Each structure stands twice: as structure tokens, then as C-alpha cells.
Amino acid sequence: MMPMRPSSIVLLFPLLLALSAGEAAPSAKPEAKPDAKTRDDSTPAEREAKAKRYFTDTVLTDQHGKPRRFYSDVLQGKTVVINFIFTNCGEACPLITHKMAAVKNKSGELFGKELRFVSISIDPERDTPEALRKYIRKFDVGHPEWVFLTGDKETVMAVVKRLGAWTGSVEAHSTVLLAGNVPAARWRKLKPDLPPEVIAETLQLLANNELPAYPSRLDLPPPGGDKR
């Protein structure tokens, strides 16, 4: 069984690269001190165009069998938490799913309005929409704003690579939580063993755009250039 730990993979985009794997979420509102290197002077429309270009509208399939464009139908306009699962996972995935359910409960009205959870299967050949629905029922995490995604292997691999989380091994998949305010292009990498109230507080700050800026340009080289 795989121990639950932060991923050791190299992340592809600087939204997350600016943070170390061991960074803890803040317990109090930090003071943002943007400077010329971290300030994003682009307009909301420019940020949205960059985000759509980077994340792409690759079509995946949700737990109901409905096609979802990854950027336009899943990410756009939301603060999101993205994690990676497979339904036959024996240890890490159930623990993280329980943790995210606790975070949802701690998030109050934020969840379902501004905040969305996105769980992506890294075993899409076995994780059909029916298998995802069974997993959702097992852990009692059904909610319209908790989206589970699957698809054909190549399509899922393309999206997960964009997120810097493709390992090539189902058992060695990433356990990191990727949290982002998509409209503001603010992202954080969170350890799944943080207390749910700390994660929930961080998400509230992120949704309010009250966390300090980090370099977050999305006009990056294609993921095929990275070395694994």
C-alpha cells in the first residue's frame, strides 16, 4: 500500500513550482507584499485567455457520463481543489477523500458557490462513470460541485500532465492537493495531511484573493519538454 505523502514529482507550471513540497498552509491571514516580480498586471480577460490556453478544453467524462471541457466546464470562474484518485485504491485515496469531505463541511457556504472539488481518476481504463458513482456512494461524497472525472487514457494523461501530476504508475500517483483561484491565477500546493480547518481557511483566503502573489504566468512551454 502507498503511504500518504506529498508528491515527489516535478510540477510543470510555476503557479505551484514557487512553493516547496513541505509548505504548510497559513493559520492566519498573511500580509501580501507584491513587487515588480510577483505582481500580475494582466487584465481578467487576459488571465482567462492564458488559463484557457494552458489548461485547455480537453473533454473528459464526469461521474454521470456527461462530457466536460476541462477549462470551460470545470475550472472557469471557480476556486478549485484538484486531487487524483483511483477507485481500487486501498489506502491513500479513501483517506484523502475523507479529508476533503471534512474540508467541505468546514467550508460552509463557500463550497458549492465559489469553491468546487475536482477528483481526477488516474486509472481511467477501469474507472468508468459507473465505478466513480459507486466510489461516491461508498464514501457519501455526492454533491453537484464535487466533480469526478475520467475518460480514455490518453485524454486523461494529457490533462494530468498539464497539472504536473502524471507519474506513469497508478500505485505511485500524486497525493498532493492542488488548490487554485482560477480567475485570479493564484495557486497553492497543499499537503493532504493538514488539518481540515487549516485547508478550509486557506481556501477561504484563496477564494477572497487574500494570499500573496507568486509568479503565475501560464504561457509555458508544452509539457512534452519536461523530463520524467
Foldseek 3Di string as FASTA:
>chain_A
DDDQAAAPFDWDFQLENVDDSPDAFDPDQDAADDDPQFDDPDDLVVLLVLLCVLLDQQWWAWLVRDTGGCPPRQPPQAWEKEFEAALPDDPLVLLLVVLVVLLLVLQPPCQPPRYAYEYEYQPQVPCDSPSVVVSCVVNVPDDPRHIYTHHDNVSSQQNCLSRRFDDVDNSSTGGWIWTASSSVQHIYIHRSPDHSNSVSVSNVCRVVVRHYGDDRGSPGDRSVPDDD
